[in-house]
Amino acid sequence: MLFSLPTLLLAGLASFTNAALTNTGRTVTVNSIPYYLPGAPLATIPTNTVFGRTGLVPLTVTNSSSLVYTTAQLTNSIAAYTAADDVFQTGFLQGKYRE
């Protein structure tokens, strides 16, 4: 049985397909804007208990020393993020987490 040169070349390459895969990140889309996520998380939050679902959740992290976090404080935080951060957008408000 005769094989063509391209078939022989492909057969030779097939033996090199056992390469190890490394997660170097991925791109996700929030409100039609793509964002790069690194391969390893910088932090984790138990989203199944905080947001009622698991997996990736776009979120905004705020902090406050007061016991009660008011709507006015959240509005001020959002305005500050919007003014200072060119990447921040309302899609990150799907989840809100207060430290």
PDB file of N, CA and C in Angstrom:
ATOM      1  N   MET A   1       0.851  -1.172   0.000  1.00  0.00           N
ATOM      2  CA  MET A   1       0.000   0.000   0.000  1.00  0.00           C
ATOM      3  C   MET A   1       0.897   1.235   0.000  1.00  0.00           C
ATOM      4  N   LEU A   2       0.661   2.138  -0.887  1.00  0.00           N
ATOM      5  CA  LEU A   2       1.452   3.356  -1.008  1.00  0.00           C
ATOM      6  C   LEU A   2       0.749   4.507  -0.310  1.00  0.00           C
ATOM      7  N   PHE A   3       1.529   5.335   0.384  1.00  0.00           N
ATOM      8  CA  PHE A   3       0.997   6.517   1.056  1.00  0.00           C
ATOM      9  C   PHE A   3       1.609   7.746   0.412  1.00  0.00           C
ATOM     10  N   SER A   4       0.850   8.780   0.329  1.00  0.00           N
ATOM     11  CA  SER A   4       1.376  10.020  -0.228  1.00  0.00           C
ATOM     12  C   SER A   4       2.279  10.705   0.793  1.00  0.00           C
ATOM     13  N   LEU A   5       3.123  11.610   0.338  1.00  0.00           N
ATOM     14  CA  LEU A   5       4.031  12.341   1.226  1.00  0.00           C
ATOM     15  C   LEU A   5       3.273  13.121   2.301  1.00  0.00           C
ATOM     16  N   PRO A   6       2.192  13.865   1.958  1.00  0.00           N
ATOM     17  CA  PRO A   6       1.451  14.576   3.020  1.00  0.00           C
ATOM     18  C   PRO A   6       0.896  13.630   4.090  1.00  0.00           C
ATOM     19  N   THR A   7       0.444  12.438   3.678  1.00  0.00           N
ATOM     20  CA  THR A   7      -0.084  11.483   4.645  1.00  0.00           C
ATOM     21  C   THR A   7       1.017  11.004   5.581  1.00  0.00           C
ATOM     22  N   LEU A   8       2.188  10.738   5.041  1.00  0.00           N
ATOM     23  CA  LEU A   8       3.309  10.314   5.864  1.00  0.00           C
ATOM     24  C   LEU A   8       3.745  11.415   6.819  1.00  0.00           C
ATOM     25  N   LEU A   9       3.753  12.661   6.347  1.00  0.00           N
ATOM     26  CA  LEU A   9       4.132  13.779   7.209  1.00  0.00           C
ATOM     27  C   LEU A   9       3.133  13.949   8.345  1.00  0.00           C
ATOM     28  N   LEU A  10       1.854  13.854   8.037  1.00  0.00           N
ATOM     29  CA  LEU A  10       0.827  13.975   9.078  1.00  0.00           C
ATOM     30  C   LEU A  10       0.920  12.831  10.073  1.00  0.00           C
ATOM     31  N   ALA A  11       1.204  11.641   9.595  1.00  0.00           N
ATOM     32  CA  ALA A  11       1.351  10.498  10.492  1.00  0.00           C
ATOM     33  C   ALA A  11       2.534  10.708  11.430  1.00  0.00           C
ATOM     34  N   GLY A  12       3.605  11.304  10.925  1.00  0.00           N
ATOM     35  CA  GLY A  12       4.765  11.592  11.755  1.00  0.00           C
ATOM     36  C   GLY A  12       4.459  12.656  12.795  1.00  0.00           C
ATOM     37  N   LEU A  13       3.656  13.645  12.439  1.00  0.00           N
ATOM     38  CA  LEU A  13       3.299  14.706  13.385  1.00  0.00           C
ATOM     39  C   LEU A  13       2.348  14.204  14.463  1.00  0.00           C
ATOM     40  N   ALA A  14       1.545  13.219  14.129  1.00  0.00           N
ATOM     41  CA  ALA A  14       0.567  12.709  15.085  1.00  0.00           C
ATOM     42  C   ALA A  14       1.235  12.140  16.324  1.00  0.00           C
ATOM     43  N   SER A  15       2.442  11.685  16.219  1.00  0.00           N
ATOM     44  CA  SER A  15       3.108  11.119  17.380  1.00  0.00           C
ATOM     45  C   SER A  15       3.564  12.198  18.366  1.00  0.00           C
ATOM     46  N   PHE A  16       3.527  13.450  17.984  1.00  0.00           N
ATOM     47  CA  PHE A  16       3.965  14.542  18.851  1.00  0.00           C
ATOM     48  C   PHE A  16       2.796  15.261  19.526  1.00  0.00           C
ATOM     49  N   THR A  17       1.618  14.684  19.546  1.00  0.00           N
ATOM     50  CA  THR A  17       0.437  15.350  20.092  1.00  0.00           C
ATOM     51  C   THR A  17       0.255  15.140  21.594  1.00  0.00           C
ATOM     52  N   ASN A  18       1.201  14.547  22.261  1.00  0.00           N
ATOM     53  CA  ASN A  18       1.077  14.303  23.695  1.00  0.00           C
ATOM     54  C   ASN A  18       1.657  15.446  24.519  1.00  0.00           C
ATOM     55  N   ALA A  19       1.494  16.645  24.081  1.00  0.00           N
ATOM     56  CA  ALA A  19       2.027  17.804  24.792  1.00  0.00           C
ATOM     57  C   ALA A  19       1.173  18.113  26.021  1.00  0.00           C
ATOM     58  N   ALA A  20       1.802  18.615  27.064  1.00  0.00           N
ATOM     59  CA  ALA A  20       1.084  19.018  28.273  1.00  0.00           C
ATOM     60  C   ALA A  20       0.428  20.373  28.055  1.00  0.00           C
ATOM     61  N   LEU A  21      -0.777  20.525  28.547  1.00  0.00           N
ATOM     62  CA  LEU A  21      -1.491  21.793  28.440  1.00  0.00           C
ATOM     63  C   LEU A  21      -1.351  22.570  29.732  1.00  0.00           C
ATOM     64  N   THR A  22      -1.131  23.864  29.607  1.00  0.00           N
ATOM     65  CA  THR A  22      -1.021  24.743  30.759  1.00  0.00           C
ATOM     66  C   THR A  22      -2.053  25.857  30.610  1.00  0.00           C
ATOM     67  N   ASN A  23      -2.817  26.098  31.660  1.00  0.00           N
ATOM     68  CA  ASN A  23      -3.813  27.166  31.633  1.00  0.00           C
ATOM     69  C   ASN A  23      -3.089  28.504  31.801  1.00  0.00           C
ATOM     70  N   THR A  24      -3.055  29.288  30.734  1.00  0.00           N
ATOM     71  CA  THR A  24      -2.392  30.586  30.781  1.00  0.00           C
ATOM     72  C   THR A  24      -3.404  31.729  30.802  1.00  0.00           C
ATOM     73  N   GLY A  25      -4.668  31.399  30.938  1.00  0.00           N
ATOM     74  CA  GLY A  25      -5.699  32.423  31.018  1.00  0.00           C
ATOM     75  C   GLY A  25      -6.744  32.235  29.951  1.00  0.00           C
ATOM     76  N   ARG A  26      -7.707  33.123  29.975  1.00  0.00           N
ATOM     77  CA  ARG A  26      -8.786  33.089  28.993  1.00  0.00           C
ATOM     78  C   ARG A  26      -9.397  34.467  28.873  1.00  0.00           C
ATOM     79  N   THR A  27     -10.196  34.625  27.861  1.00  0.00           N
ATOM     80  CA  THR A  27     -10.894  35.886  27.645  1.00  0.00           C
ATOM     81  C   THR A  27     -12.375  35.661  27.897  1.00  0.00           C
ATOM     82  N   VAL A  28     -12.975  36.548  28.673  1.00  0.00           N
ATOM     83  CA  VAL A  28     -14.419  36.517  28.917  1.00  0.00           C
ATOM     84  C   VAL A  28     -14.998  37.842  28.447  1.00  0.00           C
ATOM     85  N   THR A  29     -16.295  37.862  28.265  1.00  0.00           N
ATOM     86  CA  THR A  29     -16.970  39.073  27.814  1.00  0.00           C
ATOM     87  C   THR A  29     -17.988  39.507  28.853  1.00  0.00           C
ATOM     88  N   VAL A  30     -17.930  40.781  29.241  1.00  0.00           N
ATOM     89  CA  VAL A  30     -18.900  41.376  30.154  1.00  0.00           C
ATOM     90  C   VAL A  30     -19.490  42.580  29.435  1.00  0.00           C
ATOM     91  N   ASN A  31     -20.801  42.551  29.228  1.00  0.00           N
ATOM     92  CA  ASN A  31     -21.477  43.633  28.478  1.00  0.00           C
ATOM     93  C   ASN A  31     -20.799  43.904  27.138  1.00  0.00           C
ATOM     94  N   SER A  32     -20.490  42.835  26.412  1.00  0.00           N
ATOM     95  CA  SER A  32     -19.895  42.902  25.065  1.00  0.00           C
ATOM     96  C   SER A  32     -18.470  43.454  25.045  1.00  0.00           C
ATOM     97  N   ILE A  33     -17.828  43.557  26.193  1.00  0.00           N
ATOM     98  CA  ILE A  33     -16.442  44.029  26.267  1.00  0.00           C
ATOM     99  C   ILE A  33     -15.577  42.854  26.722  1.00  0.00           C
ATOM    100  N   PRO A  34     -14.532  42.504  25.948  1.00  0.00           N
ATOM    101  CA  PRO A  34     -13.687  41.376  26.337  1.00  0.00           C
ATOM    102  C   PRO A  34     -12.694  41.754  27.440  1.00  0.00           C
ATOM    103  N   TYR A  35     -12.476  40.821  28.354  1.00  0.00           N
ATOM    104  CA  TYR A  35     -11.512  40.990  29.438  1.00  0.00           C
ATOM    105  C   TYR A  35     -10.665  39.728  29.535  1.00  0.00           C
ATOM    106  N   TYR A  36      -9.386  39.907  29.799  1.00  0.00           N
ATOM    107  CA  TYR A  36      -8.484  38.769  29.983  1.00  0.00           C
ATOM    108  C   TYR A  36      -8.463  38.370  31.454  1.00  0.00           C
ATOM    109  N   LEU A  37      -8.581  37.078  31.712  1.00  0.00           N
ATOM    110  CA  LEU A  37      -8.468  36.547  33.069  1.00  0.00           C
ATOM    111  C   LEU A  37      -7.208  35.701  33.142  1.00  0.00           C
ATOM    112  N   PRO A  38      -6.378  35.885  34.158  1.00  0.00           N
ATOM    113  CA  PRO A  38      -5.171  35.068  34.274  1.00  0.00           C
ATOM    114  C   PRO A  38      -5.518  33.602  34.516  1.00  0.00           C
ATOM    115  N   GLY A  39      -4.543  32.725  34.314  1.00  0.00           N
ATOM    116  CA  GLY A  39      -4.762  31.292  34.470  1.00  0.00           C
ATOM    117  C   GLY A  39      -5.061  30.863  35.890  1.00  0.00           C
ATOM    118  N   ALA A  40      -4.552  31.583  36.869  1.00  0.00           N
ATOM    119  CA  ALA A  40      -4.796  31.245  38.277  1.00  0.00           C
ATOM    120  C   ALA A  40      -5.511  32.417  38.950  1.00  0.00           C
ATOM    121  N   PRO A  41      -6.493  32.129  39.805  1.00  0.00           N
ATOM    122  CA  PRO A  41      -7.208  33.214  40.484  1.00  0.00           C
ATOM    123  C   PRO A  41      -6.304  33.946  41.475  1.00  0.00           C
ATOM    124  N   LEU A  42      -6.537  35.239  41.617  1.00  0.00           N
ATOM    125  CA  LEU A  42      -5.812  36.025  42.607  1.00  0.00           C
ATOM    126  C   LEU A  42      -6.427  35.844  43.986  1.00  0.00           C
ATOM    127  N   ALA A  43      -7.717  35.562  44.014  1.00  0.00           N
ATOM    128  CA  ALA A  43      -8.439  35.330  45.264  1.00  0.00           C
ATOM    129  C   ALA A  43      -9.715  34.572  44.926  1.00  0.00           C
ATOM    130  N   THR A  44     -10.294  33.950  45.910  1.00  0.00           N
ATOM    131  CA  THR A  44     -11.577  33.284  45.705  1.00  0.00           C
ATOM    132  C   THR A  44     -12.548  33.716  46.796  1.00  0.00           C
ATOM    133  N   ILE A  45     -13.805  33.775  46.420  1.00  0.00           N
ATOM    134  CA  ILE A  45     -14.887  34.126  47.339  1.00  0.00           C
ATOM    135  C   ILE A  45     -15.919  33.014  47.210  1.00  0.00           C
ATOM    136  N   PRO A  46     -16.463  32.510  48.310  1.00  0.00           N
ATOM    137  CA  PRO A  46     -17.453  31.425  48.209  1.00  0.00           C
ATOM    138  C   PRO A  46     -18.746  31.926  47.572  1.00  0.00           C
ATOM    139  N   THR A  47     -18.766  31.994  46.254  1.00  0.00           N
ATOM    140  CA  THR A  47     -19.905  32.574  45.537  1.00  0.00           C
ATOM    141  C   THR A  47     -21.188  31.790  45.722  1.00  0.00           C
ATOM    142  N   ASN A  48     -21.099  30.485  45.967  1.00  0.00           N
ATOM    143  CA  ASN A  48     -22.330  29.723  46.134  1.00  0.00           C
ATOM    144  C   ASN A  48     -23.085  30.162  47.383  1.00  0.00           C
ATOM    145  N   THR A  49     -22.382  30.696  48.377  1.00  0.00           N
ATOM    146  CA  THR A  49     -23.075  31.164  49.575  1.00  0.00           C
ATOM    147  C   THR A  49     -23.361  32.661  49.498  1.00  0.00           C
ATOM    148  N   VAL A  50     -22.564  33.398  48.733  1.00  0.00           N
ATOM    149  CA  VAL A  50     -22.748  34.844  48.663  1.00  0.00           C
ATOM    150  C   VAL A  50     -23.769  35.228  47.598  1.00  0.00           C
ATOM    151  N   PHE A  51     -23.669  34.624  46.419  1.00  0.00           N
ATOM    152  CA  PHE A  51     -24.511  35.033  45.303  1.00  0.00           C
ATOM    153  C   PHE A  51     -25.531  33.981  44.883  1.00  0.00           C
ATOM    154  N   GLY A  52     -25.508  32.816  45.524  1.00  0.00           N
ATOM    155  CA  GLY A  52     -26.464  31.780  45.178  1.00  0.00           C
ATOM    156  C   GLY A  52     -26.110  31.023  43.911  1.00  0.00           C
ATOM    157  N   ARG A  53     -24.884  31.184  43.395  1.00  0.00           N
ATOM    158  CA  ARG A  53     -24.455  30.433  42.221  1.00  0.00           C
ATOM    159  C   ARG A  53     -22.954  30.239  42.280  1.00  0.00           C
ATOM    160  N   THR A  54     -22.460  29.328  41.478  1.00  0.00           N
ATOM    161  CA  THR A  54     -21.035  29.051  41.456  1.00  0.00           C
ATOM    162  C   THR A  54     -20.446  29.484  40.120  1.00  0.00           C
ATOM    163  N   GLY A  55     -19.139  29.428  40.009  1.00  0.00           N
ATOM    164  CA  GLY A  55     -18.478  29.794  38.764  1.00  0.00           C
ATOM    165  C   GLY A  55     -18.026  31.240  38.781  1.00  0.00           C
ATOM    166  N   LEU A  56     -17.716  31.734  37.608  1.00  0.00           N
ATOM    167  CA  LEU A  56     -17.255  33.113  37.486  1.00  0.00           C
ATOM    168  C   LEU A  56     -18.411  34.085  37.612  1.00  0.00           C
ATOM    169  N   VAL A  57     -18.215  35.102  38.410  1.00  0.00           N
ATOM    170  CA  VAL A  57     -19.227  36.140  38.601  1.00  0.00           C
ATOM    171  C   VAL A  57     -18.524  37.490  38.530  1.00  0.00           C
ATOM    172  N   PRO A  58     -18.893  38.348  37.573  1.00  0.00           N
ATOM    173  CA  PRO A  58     -18.318  39.696  37.588  1.00  0.00           C
ATOM    174  C   PRO A  58     -18.765  40.389  38.869  1.00  0.00           C
ATOM    175  N   LEU A  59     -17.824  40.974  39.585  1.00  0.00           N
ATOM    176  CA  LEU A  59     -18.224  41.600  40.841  1.00  0.00           C
ATOM    177  C   LEU A  59     -17.379  42.817  41.166  1.00  0.00           C
ATOM    178  N   THR A  60     -17.920  43.620  42.049  1.00  0.00           N
ATOM    179  CA  THR A  60     -17.253  44.802  42.564  1.00  0.00           C
ATOM    180  C   THR A  60     -17.016  44.594  44.050  1.00  0.00           C
ATOM    181  N   VAL A  61     -15.785  44.800  44.477  1.00  0.00           N
ATOM    182  CA  VAL A  61     -15.433  44.661  45.891  1.00  0.00           C
ATOM    183  C   VAL A  61     -15.314  46.053  46.487  1.00  0.00           C
ATOM    184  N   THR A  62     -16.014  46.275  47.565  1.00  0.00           N
ATOM    185  CA  THR A  62     -15.939  47.549  48.283  1.00  0.00           C
ATOM    186  C   THR A  62     -15.542  47.267  49.726  1.00  0.00           C
ATOM    187  N   ASN A  63     -15.091  48.290  50.399  1.00  0.00           N
ATOM    188  CA  ASN A  63     -14.806  48.133  51.823  1.00  0.00           C
ATOM    189  C   ASN A  63     -15.286  49.363  52.569  1.00  0.00           C
ATOM    190  N   SER A  64     -15.647  49.130  53.794  1.00  0.00           N
ATOM    191  CA  SER A  64     -16.158  50.197  54.645  1.00  0.00           C
ATOM    192  C   SER A  64     -15.953  49.784  56.096  1.00  0.00           C
ATOM    193  N   SER A  65     -15.610  50.754  56.920  1.00  0.00           N
ATOM    194  CA  SER A  65     -15.439  50.455  58.340  1.00  0.00           C
ATOM    195  C   SER A  65     -16.765  50.518  59.095  1.00  0.00           C
ATOM    196  N   SER A  66     -17.806  51.047  58.465  1.00  0.00           N
ATOM    197  CA  SER A  66     -19.091  51.140  59.159  1.00  0.00           C
ATOM    198  C   SER A  66     -19.818  49.798  59.127  1.00  0.00           C
ATOM    199  N   LEU A  67     -20.642  49.549  60.117  1.00  0.00           N
ATOM    200  CA  LEU A  67     -21.384  48.297  60.192  1.00  0.00           C
ATOM    201  C   LEU A  67     -22.464  48.207  59.121  1.00  0.00           C
ATOM    202  N   VAL A  68     -23.053  49.343  58.784  1.00  0.00           N
ATOM    203  CA  VAL A  68     -24.103  49.388  57.776  1.00  0.00           C
ATOM    204  C   VAL A  68     -23.539  50.061  56.532  1.00  0.00           C
ATOM    205  N   TYR A  69     -23.705  49.415  55.401  1.00  0.00           N
ATOM    206  CA  TYR A  69     -23.242  49.970  54.127  1.00  0.00           C
ATOM    207  C   TYR A  69     -24.457  50.487  53.385  1.00  0.00           C
ATOM    208  N   THR A  70     -24.572  51.786  53.306  1.00  0.00           N
ATOM    209  CA  THR A  70     -25.785  52.404  52.775  1.00  0.00           C
ATOM    210  C   THR A  70     -25.761  52.485  51.250  1.00  0.00           C
ATOM    211  N   THR A  71     -26.914  52.749  50.677  1.00  0.00           N
ATOM    212  CA  THR A  71     -27.023  52.949  49.239  1.00  0.00           C
ATOM    213  C   THR A  71     -26.179  54.143  48.806  1.00  0.00           C
ATOM    214  N   ALA A  72     -26.146  55.172  49.631  1.00  0.00           N
ATOM    215  CA  ALA A  72     -25.332  56.357  49.314  1.00  0.00           C
ATOM    216  C   ALA A  72     -23.854  56.000  49.251  1.00  0.00           C
ATOM    217  N   GLN A  73     -23.389  55.168  50.182  1.00  0.00           N
ATOM    218  CA  GLN A  73     -21.986  54.750  50.158  1.00  0.00           C
ATOM    219  C   GLN A  73     -21.678  53.926  48.899  1.00  0.00           C
ATOM    220  N   LEU A  74     -22.594  53.035  48.531  1.00  0.00           N
ATOM    221  CA  LEU A  74     -22.406  52.240  47.315  1.00  0.00           C
ATOM    222  C   LEU A  74     -22.389  53.138  46.085  1.00  0.00           C
ATOM    223  N   THR A  75     -23.307  54.079  46.023  1.00  0.00           N
ATOM    224  CA  THR A  75     -23.356  55.021  44.899  1.00  0.00           C
ATOM    225  C   THR A  75     -22.065  55.822  44.814  1.00  0.00           C
ATOM    226  N   ASN A  76     -21.548  56.267  45.946  1.00  0.00           N
ATOM    227  CA  ASN A  76     -20.283  57.013  45.967  1.00  0.00           C
ATOM    228  C   ASN A  76     -19.114  56.133  45.507  1.00  0.00           C
ATOM    229  N   SER A  77     -19.103  54.872  45.934  1.00  0.00           N
ATOM    230  CA  SER A  77     -18.049  53.951  45.522  1.00  0.00           C
ATOM    231  C   SER A  77     -18.085  53.731  44.013  1.00  0.00           C
ATOM    232  N   ILE A  78     -19.283  53.538  43.470  1.00  0.00           N
ATOM    233  CA  ILE A  78     -19.429  53.332  42.029  1.00  0.00           C
ATOM    234  C   ILE A  78     -18.954  54.558  41.267  1.00  0.00           C
ATOM    235  N   ALA A  79     -19.325  55.738  41.740  1.00  0.00           N
ATOM    236  CA  ALA A  79     -18.886  56.980  41.082  1.00  0.00           C
ATOM    237  C   ALA A  79     -17.368  57.118  41.139  1.00  0.00           C
ATOM    238  N   ALA A  80     -16.763  56.762  42.273  1.00  0.00           N
ATOM    239  CA  ALA A  80     -15.308  56.843  42.413  1.00  0.00           C
ATOM    240  C   ALA A  80     -14.622  55.850  41.480  1.00  0.00           C
ATOM    241  N   TYR A  81     -15.139  54.616  41.402  1.00  0.00           N
ATOM    242  CA  TYR A  81     -14.558  53.629  40.491  1.00  0.00           C
ATOM    243  C   TYR A  81     -14.665  54.097  39.047  1.00  0.00           C
ATOM    244  N   THR A  82     -15.832  54.615  38.670  1.00  0.00           N
ATOM    245  CA  THR A  82     -16.056  55.058  37.299  1.00  0.00           C
ATOM    246  C   THR A  82     -15.105  56.195  36.928  1.00  0.00           C
ATOM    247  N   ALA A  83     -14.863  57.104  37.863  1.00  0.00           N
ATOM    248  CA  ALA A  83     -13.986  58.248  37.597  1.00  0.00           C
ATOM    249  C   ALA A  83     -12.512  57.839  37.539  1.00  0.00           C
ATOM    250  N   ALA A  84     -12.110  56.880  38.359  1.00  0.00           N
ATOM    251  CA  ALA A  84     -10.685  56.555  38.487  1.00  0.00           C
ATOM    252  C   ALA A  84     -10.222  55.374  37.650  1.00  0.00           C
ATOM    253  N   ASP A  85     -11.126  54.506  37.251  1.00  0.00           N
ATOM    254  CA  ASP A  85     -10.737  53.250  36.612  1.00  0.00           C
ATOM    255  C   ASP A  85     -11.337  53.169  35.213  1.00  0.00           C
ATOM    256  N   ASP A  86     -10.473  53.154  34.191  1.00  0.00           N
ATOM    257  CA  ASP A  86     -10.971  53.125  32.813  1.00  0.00           C
ATOM    258  C   ASP A  86     -11.504  51.751  32.416  1.00  0.00           C
ATOM    259  N   VAL A  87     -11.333  50.734  33.246  1.00  0.00           N
ATOM    260  CA  VAL A  87     -11.814  49.389  32.948  1.00  0.00           C
ATOM    261  C   VAL A  87     -13.167  49.114  33.614  1.00  0.00           C
ATOM    262  N   PHE A  88     -13.465  49.793  34.707  1.00  0.00           N
ATOM    263  CA  PHE A  88     -14.702  49.544  35.455  1.00  0.00           C
ATOM    264  C   PHE A  88     -15.916  49.867  34.603  1.00  0.00           C
ATOM    265  N   GLN A  89     -16.934  49.012  34.705  1.00  0.00           N
ATOM    266  CA  GLN A  89     -18.207  49.236  34.020  1.00  0.00           C
ATOM    267  C   GLN A  89     -19.322  48.590  34.839  1.00  0.00           C
ATOM    268  N   THR A  90     -20.552  48.914  34.516  1.00  0.00           N
ATOM    269  CA  THR A  90     -21.692  48.458  35.308  1.00  0.00           C
ATOM    270  C   THR A  90     -21.861  46.941  35.304  1.00  0.00           C
ATOM    271  N   GLY A  91     -21.305  46.248  34.313  1.00  0.00           N
ATOM    272  CA  GLY A  91     -21.386  44.789  34.296  1.00  0.00           C
ATOM    273  C   GLY A  91     -20.748  44.157  35.510  1.00  0.00           C
ATOM    274  N   PHE A  92     -19.778  44.849  36.119  1.00  0.00           N
ATOM    275  CA  PHE A  92     -19.126  44.331  37.320  1.00  0.00           C
ATOM    276  C   PHE A  92     -20.012  44.459  38.557  1.00  0.00           C
ATOM    277  N   LEU A  93     -21.155  45.064  38.427  1.00  0.00           N
ATOM    278  CA  LEU A  93     -22.083  45.203  39.554  1.00  0.00           C
ATOM    279  C   LEU A  93     -23.043  44.024  39.658  1.00  0.00           C
ATOM    280  N   GLN A  94     -22.860  42.995  38.799  1.00  0.00           N
ATOM    281  CA  GLN A  94     -23.687  41.795  38.913  1.00  0.00           C
ATOM    282  C   GLN A  94     -23.520  41.162  40.273  1.00  0.00           C
ATOM    283  N   GLY A  95     -22.326  41.281  40.812  1.00  0.00           N
ATOM    284  CA  GLY A  95     -22.064  40.822  42.169  1.00  0.00           C
ATOM    285  C   GLY A  95     -21.410  41.954  42.940  1.00  0.00           C
ATOM    286  N   LYS A  96     -21.800  42.112  44.170  1.00  0.00           N
ATOM    287  CA  LYS A  96     -21.190  43.130  45.030  1.00  0.00           C
ATOM    288  C   LYS A  96     -20.737  42.431  46.299  1.00  0.00           C
ATOM    289  N   TYR A  97     -19.488  42.694  46.659  1.00  0.00           N
ATOM    290  CA  TYR A  97     -18.917  42.049  47.842  1.00  0.00           C
ATOM    291  C   TYR A  97     -18.266  43.121  48.691  1.00  0.00           C
ATOM    292  N   ARG A  98     -18.660  43.162  49.959  1.00  0.00           N
ATOM    293  CA  ARG A  98     -18.069  44.166  50.875  1.00  0.00           C
ATOM    294  C   ARG A  98     -17.108  43.468  51.805  1.00  0.00           C
ATOM    295  N   GLU A  99     -15.884  43.986  51.834  1.00  0.00           N
ATOM    296  CA  GLU A  99     -14.873  43.436  52.747  1.00  0.00           C
ATOM    297  C   GLU A  99     -15.120  43.923  54.152  1.00  0.00           C
TER     298      GLU A  99
END
